[in-house]
Amino acid sequence: MFAASSLTEALTQIAVAFTSANPAVGVSFNFAGSGELVTQIEQGAPADAFVSADDTTMARLVGAGEAAGEPVSIATNTMAIIVEPGNPKRITSVADLADPDLIVVLCAATVPCGKGAATILANAAVEVTPSSLEDSVKGVVTKVELGEADAGIVFATDVKGAGDDAVGVVIPASVNVINHYPMVVTAASRNPEAAQAFIDFVAGPAGQAMLGQYGFLAP
């Protein structure tokens, strides 16, 4: 299972429930930035299913002929500013990220969290010079958690997943984005029936309930 890194905790829990109900099936994951995962699949990496953090990256997979059937949207997500516990820099808005004294990290434009951050900054008419561009949203989260950055723009679920190691600043809906998470069996899957069964489980009541626990919104 190749999956966007923002789904790490949620899909790991869902897989435990799925394999408990289907003991003959094992689920293993490759979590990374969505764009990187598509590249790996295009280069022949073995994957039975793929879930992206946006429709654009999934369209790339479909356009390359690497998808079997129509993708199914399993969740949606919004974005937030992630800061250190206690918000010591007193960041309250997207505009604050333009402060040259702040160390801001963003995702690279090749992955959904980077595309989303770029859209938000454009919507808010804010220019930011990031100190680094990370390959996945987890890279941004980690730098803020370790105190290597003052702030970043990540998925709202990643702020929730950070627990006490970080806090979030809400981005208003007027400038925010909504990302869809489409999921599909790959064309080269060696276990298409099991892969489809897992997708059905994620899209079903049990999977949706667990995604909700991690802050994901309904498809």
N, C-alpha and C. Protein backbone atom coordinates (compact mmCIF):
# COMPACT_ATOMS: atom_id res chain seq x y z
N MET A 1 0.84 -1.18 0.00
CA MET A 1 0.00 0.00 0.00
C MET A 1 0.88 1.24 0.00
N PHE A 2 0.82 2.04 -1.07
CA PHE A 2 1.57 3.29 -1.15
C PHE A 2 0.62 4.41 -0.75
N ALA A 3 1.00 5.18 0.28
CA ALA A 3 0.06 6.17 0.82
C ALA A 3 0.75 7.47 1.20
N ALA A 4 0.03 8.58 1.01
CA ALA A 4 0.51 9.90 1.40
C ALA A 4 0.87 9.91 2.87
N SER A 5 1.97 10.56 3.21
CA SER A 5 2.50 10.50 4.57
C SER A 5 1.54 11.08 5.61
N SER A 6 0.65 11.99 5.21
CA SER A 6 -0.30 12.55 6.17
C SER A 6 -1.30 11.52 6.67
N LEU A 7 -1.36 10.37 6.02
CA LEU A 7 -2.28 9.30 6.43
C LEU A 7 -1.62 8.25 7.33
N THR A 8 -0.37 8.47 7.68
CA THR A 8 0.42 7.43 8.38
C THR A 8 -0.31 6.84 9.58
N GLU A 9 -0.66 7.67 10.53
CA GLU A 9 -1.25 7.16 11.77
C GLU A 9 -2.63 6.56 11.54
N ALA A 10 -3.44 7.24 10.75
CA ALA A 10 -4.81 6.77 10.52
C ALA A 10 -4.85 5.44 9.78
N LEU A 11 -4.10 5.32 8.68
CA LEU A 11 -4.13 4.07 7.92
C LEU A 11 -3.48 2.92 8.68
N THR A 12 -2.49 3.23 9.50
CA THR A 12 -1.87 2.17 10.30
C THR A 12 -2.90 1.56 11.25
N GLN A 13 -3.71 2.41 11.87
CA GLN A 13 -4.75 1.89 12.77
C GLN A 13 -5.82 1.15 11.98
N ILE A 14 -6.20 1.68 10.84
CA ILE A 14 -7.22 1.03 10.03
C ILE A 14 -6.75 -0.35 9.58
N ALA A 15 -5.48 -0.46 9.24
CA ALA A 15 -4.93 -1.75 8.79
C ALA A 15 -5.00 -2.79 9.88
N VAL A 16 -4.81 -2.38 11.12
CA VAL A 16 -4.91 -3.32 12.24
C VAL A 16 -6.33 -3.88 12.32
N ALA A 17 -7.32 -3.00 12.19
CA ALA A 17 -8.71 -3.43 12.23
C ALA A 17 -9.05 -4.31 11.03
N PHE A 18 -8.53 -3.93 9.87
CA PHE A 18 -8.81 -4.69 8.65
C PHE A 18 -8.22 -6.10 8.72
N THR A 19 -6.97 -6.22 9.13
CA THR A 19 -6.34 -7.54 9.20
C THR A 19 -6.93 -8.40 10.31
N SER A 20 -7.45 -7.74 11.34
CA SER A 20 -8.13 -8.51 12.39
C SER A 20 -9.39 -9.16 11.83
N ALA A 21 -10.08 -8.45 10.94
CA ALA A 21 -11.30 -8.99 10.32
C ALA A 21 -10.98 -9.88 9.13
N ASN A 22 -9.77 -9.74 8.59
CA ASN A 22 -9.34 -10.53 7.42
C ASN A 22 -7.95 -11.11 7.68
N PRO A 23 -7.85 -12.09 8.57
CA PRO A 23 -6.54 -12.61 9.00
C PRO A 23 -5.69 -13.21 7.89
N ALA A 24 -6.29 -13.54 6.76
CA ALA A 24 -5.51 -14.12 5.66
C ALA A 24 -4.81 -13.05 4.83
N VAL A 25 -5.08 -11.78 5.13
CA VAL A 25 -4.50 -10.68 4.36
C VAL A 25 -3.56 -9.86 5.23
N GLY A 26 -2.37 -9.60 4.73
CA GLY A 26 -1.43 -8.72 5.41
C GLY A 26 -1.34 -7.39 4.67
N VAL A 27 -1.15 -6.32 5.42
CA VAL A 27 -1.06 -4.99 4.81
C VAL A 27 0.27 -4.36 5.23
N SER A 28 1.06 -3.97 4.27
CA SER A 28 2.30 -3.24 4.55
C SER A 28 2.25 -1.91 3.80
N PHE A 29 2.94 -0.92 4.34
CA PHE A 29 2.82 0.44 3.81
C PHE A 29 4.15 1.01 3.35
N ASN A 30 4.06 1.89 2.38
CA ASN A 30 5.15 2.77 1.98
C ASN A 30 4.59 4.18 2.04
N PHE A 31 4.91 4.90 3.12
CA PHE A 31 4.42 6.27 3.28
C PHE A 31 5.47 7.27 2.80
N ALA A 32 5.04 8.22 2.00
CA ALA A 32 5.95 9.26 1.50
C ALA A 32 5.11 10.35 0.87
N GLY A 33 5.77 11.35 0.29
CA GLY A 33 5.05 12.38 -0.45
C GLY A 33 4.35 11.77 -1.65
N SER A 34 3.16 12.24 -1.96
CA SER A 34 2.36 11.63 -3.02
C SER A 34 3.07 11.61 -4.37
N GLY A 35 3.73 12.72 -4.71
CA GLY A 35 4.43 12.77 -5.98
C GLY A 35 5.56 11.77 -6.07
N GLU A 36 6.30 11.62 -4.99
CA GLU A 36 7.39 10.65 -4.94
C GLU A 36 6.86 9.23 -5.12
N LEU A 37 5.71 8.95 -4.53
CA LEU A 37 5.13 7.61 -4.63
C LEU A 37 4.72 7.30 -6.07
N VAL A 38 4.14 8.27 -6.76
CA VAL A 38 3.77 8.05 -8.16
C VAL A 38 5.01 7.76 -9.00
N THR A 39 6.07 8.50 -8.74
CA THR A 39 7.32 8.26 -9.46
C THR A 39 7.81 6.84 -9.23
N GLN A 40 7.74 6.38 -8.00
CA GLN A 40 8.17 5.02 -7.68
C GLN A 40 7.33 3.98 -8.42
N ILE A 41 6.02 4.20 -8.47
CA ILE A 41 5.13 3.27 -9.17
C ILE A 41 5.43 3.28 -10.66
N GLU A 42 5.64 4.46 -11.21
CA GLU A 42 5.96 4.57 -12.64
C GLU A 42 7.27 3.85 -12.98
N GLN A 43 8.16 3.79 -12.01
CA GLN A 43 9.46 3.14 -12.23
C GLN A 43 9.43 1.65 -11.90
N GLY A 44 8.24 1.14 -11.58
CA GLY A 44 8.10 -0.30 -11.39
C GLY A 44 8.07 -0.79 -9.96
N ALA A 45 8.03 0.10 -8.99
CA ALA A 45 7.95 -0.34 -7.59
C ALA A 45 6.65 -1.12 -7.38
N PRO A 46 6.70 -2.24 -6.65
CA PRO A 46 5.50 -3.06 -6.45
C PRO A 46 4.52 -2.42 -5.47
N ALA A 47 3.36 -2.08 -5.96
CA ALA A 47 2.31 -1.49 -5.12
C ALA A 47 0.97 -2.06 -5.55
N ASP A 48 0.15 -2.44 -4.60
CA ASP A 48 -1.18 -2.96 -4.90
C ASP A 48 -2.24 -1.87 -4.91
N ALA A 49 -2.00 -0.82 -4.15
CA ALA A 49 -2.96 0.29 -4.10
C ALA A 49 -2.21 1.57 -3.80
N PHE A 50 -2.83 2.68 -4.14
CA PHE A 50 -2.22 3.99 -3.94
C PHE A 50 -3.27 4.97 -3.47
N VAL A 51 -2.91 5.80 -2.49
CA VAL A 51 -3.79 6.87 -2.06
C VAL A 51 -2.97 8.16 -2.01
N SER A 52 -3.51 9.18 -2.67
CA SER A 52 -2.84 10.47 -2.78
C SER A 52 -3.49 11.49 -1.86
N ALA A 53 -2.74 12.55 -1.56
CA ALA A 53 -3.29 13.63 -0.74
C ALA A 53 -3.92 14.73 -1.59
N ASP A 54 -4.04 14.49 -2.90
CA ASP A 54 -4.78 15.43 -3.73
C ASP A 54 -5.20 14.78 -5.04
N ASP A 55 -6.16 15.39 -5.72
CA ASP A 55 -6.66 14.85 -6.98
C ASP A 55 -5.64 14.98 -8.11
N THR A 56 -4.84 16.05 -8.09
CA THR A 56 -3.89 16.29 -9.18
C THR A 56 -2.87 15.17 -9.29
N THR A 57 -2.33 14.74 -8.15
CA THR A 57 -1.32 13.68 -8.18
C THR A 57 -1.95 12.36 -8.60
N MET A 58 -3.18 12.10 -8.15
CA MET A 58 -3.86 10.89 -8.59
C MET A 58 -4.10 10.93 -10.10
N ALA A 59 -4.44 12.09 -10.63
CA ALA A 59 -4.66 12.23 -12.07
C ALA A 59 -3.39 11.88 -12.84
N ARG A 60 -2.25 12.19 -12.25
CA ARG A 60 -0.97 11.84 -12.88
C ARG A 60 -0.82 10.32 -12.98
N LEU A 61 -1.19 9.61 -11.91
CA LEU A 61 -1.11 8.16 -11.91
C LEU A 61 -2.06 7.57 -12.95
N VAL A 62 -3.29 8.08 -12.96
CA VAL A 62 -4.30 7.60 -13.91
C VAL A 62 -3.85 7.88 -15.34
N GLY A 63 -3.32 9.07 -15.58
CA GLY A 63 -2.88 9.45 -16.91
C GLY A 63 -1.73 8.59 -17.42
N ALA A 64 -0.94 8.05 -16.48
CA ALA A 64 0.19 7.19 -16.85
C ALA A 64 -0.25 5.75 -17.07
N GLY A 65 -1.55 5.49 -16.92
CA GLY A 65 -2.06 4.13 -17.10
C GLY A 65 -1.74 3.19 -15.97
N GLU A 66 -1.46 3.76 -14.78
CA GLU A 66 -1.04 2.95 -13.64
C GLU A 66 -2.17 2.66 -12.66
N ALA A 67 -3.41 3.04 -13.01
CA ALA A 67 -4.55 2.80 -12.12
C ALA A 67 -5.49 1.79 -12.75
N ALA A 68 -6.04 0.93 -11.91
CA ALA A 68 -7.05 -0.03 -12.36
C ALA A 68 -8.42 0.47 -11.88
N GLY A 69 -9.22 1.02 -12.77
CA GLY A 69 -10.52 1.50 -12.37
C GLY A 69 -10.50 2.95 -11.93
N GLU A 70 -11.64 3.39 -11.39
CA GLU A 70 -11.81 4.77 -10.96
C GLU A 70 -11.39 4.94 -9.51
N PRO A 71 -10.61 5.97 -9.20
CA PRO A 71 -10.25 6.25 -7.80
C PRO A 71 -11.48 6.57 -6.97
N VAL A 72 -11.41 6.23 -5.69
CA VAL A 72 -12.48 6.50 -4.74
C VAL A 72 -11.97 7.50 -3.71
N SER A 73 -12.71 8.58 -3.50
CA SER A 73 -12.32 9.56 -2.48
C SER A 73 -12.64 9.00 -1.10
N ILE A 74 -11.63 8.95 -0.24
CA ILE A 74 -11.84 8.37 1.10
C ILE A 74 -11.92 9.43 2.19
N ALA A 75 -11.47 10.66 1.91
CA ALA A 75 -11.46 11.70 2.95
C ALA A 75 -11.15 13.05 2.33
N THR A 76 -11.36 14.09 3.10
CA THR A 76 -10.90 15.43 2.75
C THR A 76 -10.14 16.00 3.94
N ASN A 77 -9.39 17.07 3.67
CA ASN A 77 -8.53 17.65 4.70
C ASN A 77 -8.35 19.13 4.39
N THR A 78 -8.10 19.92 5.41
CA THR A 78 -7.75 21.32 5.22
C THR A 78 -6.34 21.53 5.77
N MET A 79 -5.86 22.76 5.74
CA MET A 79 -4.50 23.04 6.17
C MET A 79 -4.49 24.02 7.34
N ALA A 80 -3.37 24.02 8.07
CA ALA A 80 -3.21 24.88 9.23
C ALA A 80 -1.74 25.26 9.36
N ILE A 81 -1.49 26.29 10.13
CA ILE A 81 -0.11 26.67 10.45
C ILE A 81 0.30 25.87 11.68
N ILE A 82 1.45 25.22 11.62
CA ILE A 82 1.95 24.48 12.76
C ILE A 82 3.08 25.27 13.41
N VAL A 83 3.03 25.38 14.74
CA VAL A 83 4.03 26.15 15.49
C VAL A 83 4.44 25.35 16.73
N GLU A 84 5.47 25.83 17.40
CA GLU A 84 5.94 25.16 18.60
C GLU A 84 4.92 25.28 19.74
N PRO A 85 4.97 24.37 20.71
CA PRO A 85 4.04 24.44 21.84
C PRO A 85 4.10 25.81 22.51
N GLY A 86 2.94 26.34 22.81
CA GLY A 86 2.87 27.66 23.43
C GLY A 86 2.93 28.80 22.45
N ASN A 87 3.20 28.50 21.18
CA ASN A 87 3.28 29.52 20.13
C ASN A 87 4.14 30.70 20.56
N PRO A 88 5.44 30.45 20.85
CA PRO A 88 6.30 31.51 21.40
C PRO A 88 6.50 32.71 20.48
N LYS A 89 6.33 32.52 19.17
CA LYS A 89 6.50 33.64 18.24
C LYS A 89 5.20 34.42 18.03
N ARG A 90 4.16 34.01 18.71
CA ARG A 90 2.85 34.68 18.67
C ARG A 90 2.33 34.83 17.23
N ILE A 91 2.39 33.74 16.50
CA ILE A 91 1.89 33.72 15.13
C ILE A 91 0.38 33.56 15.17
N THR A 92 -0.33 34.45 14.51
CA THR A 92 -1.80 34.40 14.55
C THR A 92 -2.45 34.31 13.17
N SER A 93 -1.67 34.50 12.11
CA SER A 93 -2.27 34.51 10.78
C SER A 93 -1.24 34.14 9.72
N VAL A 94 -1.71 33.89 8.51
CA VAL A 94 -0.82 33.61 7.39
C VAL A 94 0.09 34.80 7.14
N ALA A 95 -0.41 36.01 7.32
CA ALA A 95 0.38 37.21 7.08
C ALA A 95 1.63 37.26 7.96
N ASP A 96 1.53 36.71 9.17
CA ASP A 96 2.67 36.72 10.09
C ASP A 96 3.85 35.92 9.55
N LEU A 97 3.59 34.98 8.64
CA LEU A 97 4.66 34.12 8.12
C LEU A 97 5.62 34.89 7.22
N ALA A 98 5.25 36.09 6.82
CA ALA A 98 6.12 36.92 5.98
C ALA A 98 7.23 37.59 6.78
N ASP A 99 7.18 37.52 8.09
CA ASP A 99 8.21 38.12 8.95
C ASP A 99 9.56 37.50 8.62
N PRO A 100 10.53 38.29 8.16
CA PRO A 100 11.84 37.73 7.79
C PRO A 100 12.62 37.14 8.95
N ASP A 101 12.21 37.47 10.17
CA ASP A 101 12.91 36.92 11.34
C ASP A 101 12.41 35.53 11.71
N LEU A 102 11.33 35.09 11.07
CA LEU A 102 10.79 33.76 11.35
C LEU A 102 11.47 32.72 10.47
N ILE A 103 11.68 31.54 11.04
CA ILE A 103 12.15 30.39 10.26
C ILE A 103 10.92 29.59 9.86
N VAL A 104 10.58 29.66 8.58
CA VAL A 104 9.38 28.99 8.07
C VAL A 104 9.80 27.87 7.13
N VAL A 105 9.22 26.69 7.30
CA VAL A 105 9.47 25.58 6.38
C VAL A 105 8.17 25.20 5.70
N LEU A 106 8.28 24.83 4.44
CA LEU A 106 7.12 24.43 3.65
C LEU A 106 7.44 23.13 2.92
N CYS A 107 6.42 22.51 2.39
CA CYS A 107 6.63 21.35 1.53
C CYS A 107 7.02 21.83 0.14
N ALA A 108 7.75 20.98 -0.57
CA ALA A 108 8.09 21.28 -1.95
C ALA A 108 6.84 21.32 -2.81
N ALA A 109 6.90 22.05 -3.90
CA ALA A 109 5.74 22.22 -4.77
C ALA A 109 5.35 20.94 -5.49
N THR A 110 6.19 19.92 -5.43
CA THR A 110 5.92 18.65 -6.10
C THR A 110 5.00 17.74 -5.29
N VAL A 111 4.68 18.12 -4.05
CA VAL A 111 3.79 17.29 -3.22
C VAL A 111 2.57 18.10 -2.82
N PRO A 112 1.46 17.44 -2.51
CA PRO A 112 0.20 18.15 -2.23
C PRO A 112 0.28 19.21 -1.14
N CYS A 113 1.03 18.95 -0.06
CA CYS A 113 1.08 19.96 1.00
C CYS A 113 1.79 21.22 0.51
N GLY A 114 2.73 21.07 -0.42
CA GLY A 114 3.40 22.23 -0.98
C GLY A 114 2.51 23.00 -1.93
N LYS A 115 1.75 22.27 -2.73
CA LYS A 115 0.80 22.92 -3.64
C LYS A 115 -0.26 23.68 -2.84
N GLY A 116 -0.74 23.05 -1.79
CA GLY A 116 -1.75 23.69 -0.95
C GLY A 116 -1.22 24.94 -0.27
N ALA A 117 0.01 24.85 0.26
CA ALA A 117 0.61 26.02 0.91
C ALA A 117 0.78 27.17 -0.07
N ALA A 118 1.22 26.85 -1.29
CA ALA A 118 1.40 27.89 -2.31
C ALA A 118 0.08 28.57 -2.64
N THR A 119 -0.99 27.79 -2.72
CA THR A 119 -2.32 28.35 -3.01
C THR A 119 -2.78 29.26 -1.88
N ILE A 120 -2.55 28.81 -0.65
CA ILE A 120 -2.96 29.61 0.51
C ILE A 120 -2.21 30.94 0.54
N LEU A 121 -0.91 30.90 0.32
CA LEU A 121 -0.11 32.13 0.33
C LEU A 121 -0.55 33.07 -0.79
N ALA A 122 -0.86 32.51 -1.95
CA ALA A 122 -1.35 33.34 -3.06
C ALA A 122 -2.71 33.93 -2.73
N ASN A 123 -3.59 33.11 -2.16
CA ASN A 123 -4.92 33.60 -1.79
C ASN A 123 -4.84 34.74 -0.78
N ALA A 124 -3.87 34.64 0.13
CA ALA A 124 -3.72 35.65 1.18
C ALA A 124 -2.82 36.81 0.75
N ALA A 125 -2.27 36.72 -0.48
CA ALA A 125 -1.36 37.75 -0.99
C ALA A 125 -0.18 37.94 -0.06
N VAL A 126 0.40 36.82 0.37
CA VAL A 126 1.54 36.83 1.29
C VAL A 126 2.74 36.16 0.62
N GLU A 127 3.90 36.78 0.72
CA GLU A 127 5.12 36.20 0.18
C GLU A 127 6.00 35.70 1.31
N VAL A 128 6.41 34.45 1.20
CA VAL A 128 7.23 33.82 2.23
C VAL A 128 8.46 33.21 1.58
N THR A 129 9.61 33.41 2.20
CA THR A 129 10.84 32.76 1.74
C THR A 129 11.16 31.65 2.72
N PRO A 130 10.84 30.40 2.37
CA PRO A 130 11.05 29.29 3.31
C PRO A 130 12.53 28.99 3.51
N SER A 131 12.85 28.54 4.70
CA SER A 131 14.24 28.16 4.97
C SER A 131 14.57 26.81 4.36
N SER A 132 13.53 26.00 4.12
CA SER A 132 13.72 24.72 3.44
C SER A 132 12.41 24.27 2.83
N LEU A 133 12.52 23.40 1.83
CA LEU A 133 11.35 22.78 1.19
C LEU A 133 11.45 21.28 1.40
N GLU A 134 10.47 20.73 2.09
CA GLU A 134 10.52 19.32 2.49
C GLU A 134 9.82 18.43 1.47
N ASP A 135 10.26 17.17 1.39
CA ASP A 135 9.70 16.21 0.45
C ASP A 135 8.34 15.67 0.87
N SER A 136 7.99 15.84 2.14
CA SER A 136 6.70 15.37 2.63
C SER A 136 6.26 16.24 3.79
N VAL A 137 4.99 16.17 4.11
CA VAL A 137 4.46 16.99 5.21
C VAL A 137 5.09 16.60 6.54
N LYS A 138 5.50 15.34 6.70
CA LYS A 138 6.12 14.91 7.94
C LYS A 138 7.45 15.62 8.17
N GLY A 139 8.13 15.99 7.08
CA GLY A 139 9.38 16.73 7.22
C GLY A 139 9.15 18.09 7.84
N VAL A 140 8.08 18.76 7.45
CA VAL A 140 7.73 20.06 8.02
C VAL A 140 7.38 19.91 9.50
N VAL A 141 6.56 18.93 9.80
CA VAL A 141 6.14 18.69 11.19
C VAL A 141 7.35 18.44 12.07
N THR A 142 8.25 17.58 11.63
CA THR A 142 9.42 17.22 12.42
C THR A 142 10.30 18.42 12.72
N LYS A 143 10.52 19.29 11.74
CA LYS A 143 11.38 20.46 11.96
C LYS A 143 10.78 21.40 12.99
N VAL A 144 9.47 21.56 12.97
CA VAL A 144 8.83 22.41 13.98
C VAL A 144 8.89 21.74 15.35
N GLU A 145 8.62 20.45 15.41
CA GLU A 145 8.65 19.74 16.68
C GLU A 145 10.03 19.79 17.33
N LEU A 146 11.08 19.73 16.50
CA LEU A 146 12.45 19.73 17.02
C LEU A 146 12.98 21.13 17.30
N GLY A 147 12.19 22.15 17.00
CA GLY A 147 12.63 23.52 17.22
C GLY A 147 13.56 24.04 16.15
N GLU A 148 13.64 23.33 15.02
CA GLU A 148 14.49 23.76 13.91
C GLU A 148 13.78 24.78 13.02
N ALA A 149 12.50 24.96 13.23
CA ALA A 149 11.71 25.94 12.49
C ALA A 149 10.66 26.52 13.42
N ASP A 150 10.29 27.76 13.14
CA ASP A 150 9.27 28.42 13.97
C ASP A 150 7.86 28.07 13.53
N ALA A 151 7.69 27.79 12.23
CA ALA A 151 6.35 27.55 11.72
C ALA A 151 6.40 26.86 10.37
N GLY A 152 5.28 26.28 9.99
CA GLY A 152 5.13 25.67 8.68
C GLY A 152 3.65 25.57 8.35
N ILE A 153 3.36 25.25 7.11
CA ILE A 153 1.96 25.01 6.72
C ILE A 153 1.82 23.53 6.42
N VAL A 154 0.90 22.88 7.13
CA VAL A 154 0.70 21.44 7.02
C VAL A 154 -0.79 21.13 6.99
N PHE A 155 -1.12 19.87 6.82
CA PHE A 155 -2.52 19.49 6.92
C PHE A 155 -2.99 19.59 8.36
N ALA A 156 -4.25 19.95 8.54
CA ALA A 156 -4.79 20.10 9.89
C ALA A 156 -4.65 18.81 10.69
N THR A 157 -4.75 17.67 10.02
CA THR A 157 -4.62 16.39 10.71
C THR A 157 -3.21 16.18 11.25
N ASP A 158 -2.21 16.77 10.60
CA ASP A 158 -0.84 16.62 11.09
C ASP A 158 -0.62 17.39 12.38
N VAL A 159 -1.29 18.52 12.53
CA VAL A 159 -1.23 19.26 13.80
C VAL A 159 -1.85 18.40 14.90
N LYS A 160 -3.00 17.82 14.61
CA LYS A 160 -3.67 16.97 15.59
C LYS A 160 -2.78 15.78 15.95
N GLY A 161 -2.13 15.19 14.94
CA GLY A 161 -1.28 14.03 15.17
C GLY A 161 -0.03 14.35 15.97
N ALA A 162 0.39 15.60 15.97
CA ALA A 162 1.60 15.99 16.72
C ALA A 162 1.37 15.99 18.22
N GLY A 163 0.12 16.00 18.64
CA GLY A 163 -0.18 15.97 20.07
C GLY A 163 0.37 17.17 20.80
N ASP A 164 1.12 16.92 21.88
CA ASP A 164 1.66 18.00 22.70
C ASP A 164 2.94 18.59 22.13
N ASP A 165 3.43 18.04 21.03
CA ASP A 165 4.71 18.50 20.47
C ASP A 165 4.58 19.72 19.58
N ALA A 166 3.36 20.12 19.28
CA ALA A 166 3.13 21.29 18.43
C ALA A 166 1.68 21.74 18.60
N VAL A 167 1.41 22.95 18.17
CA VAL A 167 0.03 23.46 18.19
C VAL A 167 -0.26 24.08 16.82
N GLY A 168 -1.52 24.31 16.56
CA GLY A 168 -1.91 24.82 15.26
C GLY A 168 -2.54 26.20 15.33
N VAL A 169 -2.39 26.95 14.25
CA VAL A 169 -3.06 28.23 14.08
C VAL A 169 -4.01 28.05 12.89
N VAL A 170 -5.27 28.35 13.11
CA VAL A 170 -6.29 28.13 12.09
C VAL A 170 -6.08 29.06 10.90
N ILE A 171 -6.21 28.51 9.71
CA ILE A 171 -6.20 29.30 8.47
C ILE A 171 -7.65 29.48 8.04
N PRO A 172 -8.10 30.71 7.87
CA PRO A 172 -9.51 30.95 7.52
C PRO A 172 -9.92 30.25 6.23
N ALA A 173 -11.17 29.84 6.17
CA ALA A 173 -11.68 29.14 4.99
C ALA A 173 -11.59 30.00 3.74
N SER A 174 -11.61 31.31 3.91
CA SER A 174 -11.58 32.21 2.76
C SER A 174 -10.28 32.11 1.96
N VAL A 175 -9.20 31.66 2.61
CA VAL A 175 -7.92 31.50 1.90
C VAL A 175 -7.41 30.06 1.93
N ASN A 176 -8.09 29.21 2.67
CA ASN A 176 -7.64 27.83 2.85
C ASN A 176 -8.00 26.98 1.64
N VAL A 177 -7.52 25.76 1.63
CA VAL A 177 -7.82 24.81 0.56
C VAL A 177 -8.43 23.56 1.17
N ILE A 178 -9.13 22.80 0.34
CA ILE A 178 -9.66 21.50 0.74
C ILE A 178 -9.04 20.45 -0.17
N ASN A 179 -8.34 19.51 0.42
CA ASN A 179 -7.71 18.44 -0.35
C ASN A 179 -8.52 17.17 -0.26
N HIS A 180 -8.72 16.53 -1.41
CA HIS A 180 -9.38 15.23 -1.46
C HIS A 180 -8.31 14.13 -1.48
N TYR A 181 -8.63 13.02 -0.87
CA TYR A 181 -7.72 11.87 -0.81
C TYR A 181 -8.31 10.71 -1.63
N PRO A 182 -7.94 10.60 -2.90
CA PRO A 182 -8.44 9.50 -3.72
C PRO A 182 -7.57 8.25 -3.57
N MET A 183 -8.20 7.10 -3.68
CA MET A 183 -7.52 5.81 -3.47
C MET A 183 -7.90 4.86 -4.60
N VAL A 184 -6.94 4.07 -5.08
CA VAL A 184 -7.22 3.20 -6.23
C VAL A 184 -6.32 1.98 -6.20
N VAL A 185 -6.79 0.89 -6.79
CA VAL A 185 -5.96 -0.29 -7.03
C VAL A 185 -5.04 0.02 -8.20
N THR A 186 -3.79 -0.36 -8.10
CA THR A 186 -2.85 -0.08 -9.19
C THR A 186 -3.02 -1.09 -10.32
N ALA A 187 -2.65 -0.67 -11.52
CA ALA A 187 -2.78 -1.54 -12.70
C ALA A 187 -1.89 -2.78 -12.58
N ALA A 188 -0.76 -2.64 -11.88
CA ALA A 188 0.19 -3.75 -11.78
C ALA A 188 0.01 -4.57 -10.50
N SER A 189 -1.10 -4.34 -9.78
CA SER A 189 -1.31 -5.04 -8.51
C SER A 189 -1.28 -6.55 -8.69
N ARG A 190 -0.59 -7.23 -7.78
CA ARG A 190 -0.56 -8.68 -7.78
C ARG A 190 -1.67 -9.26 -6.91
N ASN A 191 -2.31 -8.39 -6.14
CA ASN A 191 -3.40 -8.81 -5.25
C ASN A 191 -4.57 -7.84 -5.36
N PRO A 192 -5.15 -7.70 -6.56
CA PRO A 192 -6.19 -6.67 -6.75
C PRO A 192 -7.43 -6.88 -5.90
N GLU A 193 -7.82 -8.13 -5.67
CA GLU A 193 -9.02 -8.36 -4.87
C GLU A 193 -8.81 -7.93 -3.42
N ALA A 194 -7.64 -8.28 -2.86
CA ALA A 194 -7.35 -7.88 -1.48
C ALA A 194 -7.19 -6.37 -1.39
N ALA A 195 -6.55 -5.78 -2.42
CA ALA A 195 -6.38 -4.33 -2.42
C ALA A 195 -7.73 -3.62 -2.46
N GLN A 196 -8.65 -4.12 -3.29
CA GLN A 196 -9.97 -3.51 -3.37
C GLN A 196 -10.74 -3.70 -2.07
N ALA A 197 -10.54 -4.84 -1.44
CA ALA A 197 -11.21 -5.09 -0.15
C ALA A 197 -10.73 -4.09 0.90
N PHE A 198 -9.44 -3.77 0.87
CA PHE A 198 -8.92 -2.79 1.83
C PHE A 198 -9.48 -1.41 1.54
N ILE A 199 -9.54 -1.04 0.26
CA ILE A 199 -10.12 0.26 -0.11
C ILE A 199 -11.58 0.34 0.34
N ASP A 200 -12.32 -0.73 0.12
CA ASP A 200 -13.73 -0.76 0.54
C ASP A 200 -13.85 -0.60 2.05
N PHE A 201 -12.90 -1.20 2.78
CA PHE A 201 -12.93 -1.10 4.25
C PHE A 201 -12.65 0.34 4.68
N VAL A 202 -11.66 0.97 4.05
CA VAL A 202 -11.33 2.36 4.38
C VAL A 202 -12.50 3.28 4.08
N ALA A 203 -13.18 3.03 2.96
CA ALA A 203 -14.30 3.87 2.55
C ALA A 203 -15.59 3.55 3.30
N GLY A 204 -15.60 2.41 4.01
CA GLY A 204 -16.79 1.99 4.73
C GLY A 204 -16.90 2.62 6.11
N PRO A 205 -17.95 2.26 6.85
CA PRO A 205 -18.21 2.90 8.15
C PRO A 205 -17.06 2.81 9.15
N ALA A 206 -16.43 1.64 9.26
CA ALA A 206 -15.34 1.48 10.24
C ALA A 206 -14.15 2.36 9.87
N GLY A 207 -13.75 2.31 8.61
CA GLY A 207 -12.62 3.12 8.17
C GLY A 207 -12.90 4.60 8.30
N GLN A 208 -14.10 5.02 7.93
CA GLN A 208 -14.45 6.43 8.02
C GLN A 208 -14.46 6.92 9.46
N ALA A 209 -14.92 6.08 10.36
CA ALA A 209 -14.93 6.46 11.78
C ALA A 209 -13.51 6.68 12.29
N MET A 210 -12.59 5.80 11.89
CA MET A 210 -11.20 5.94 12.34
C MET A 210 -10.53 7.14 11.70
N LEU A 211 -10.80 7.41 10.44
CA LEU A 211 -10.26 8.60 9.81
C LEU A 211 -10.76 9.86 10.54
N GLY A 212 -12.01 9.84 10.93
CA GLY A 212 -12.58 10.97 11.67
C GLY A 212 -11.89 11.20 12.99
N GLN A 213 -11.45 10.12 13.64
CA GLN A 213 -10.75 10.24 14.91
C GLN A 213 -9.43 10.99 14.75
N TYR A 214 -8.87 10.92 13.57
CA TYR A 214 -7.60 11.61 13.32
C TYR A 214 -7.79 12.98 12.68
N GLY A 215 -9.03 13.43 12.62
CA GLY A 215 -9.31 14.77 12.14
C GLY A 215 -9.64 14.89 10.67
N PHE A 216 -9.66 13.77 9.95
CA PHE A 216 -10.02 13.83 8.54
C PHE A 216 -11.52 14.10 8.40
N LEU A 217 -11.88 14.80 7.35
CA LEU A 217 -13.27 15.12 7.08
C LEU A 217 -13.85 14.13 6.09
N ALA A 218 -15.16 14.08 6.00
CA ALA A 218 -15.84 13.16 5.08
C ALA A 218 -15.46 13.48 3.64
N PRO A 219 -15.47 12.45 2.78
CA PRO A 219 -15.13 12.67 1.37
C PRO A 219 -16.04 13.70 0.69
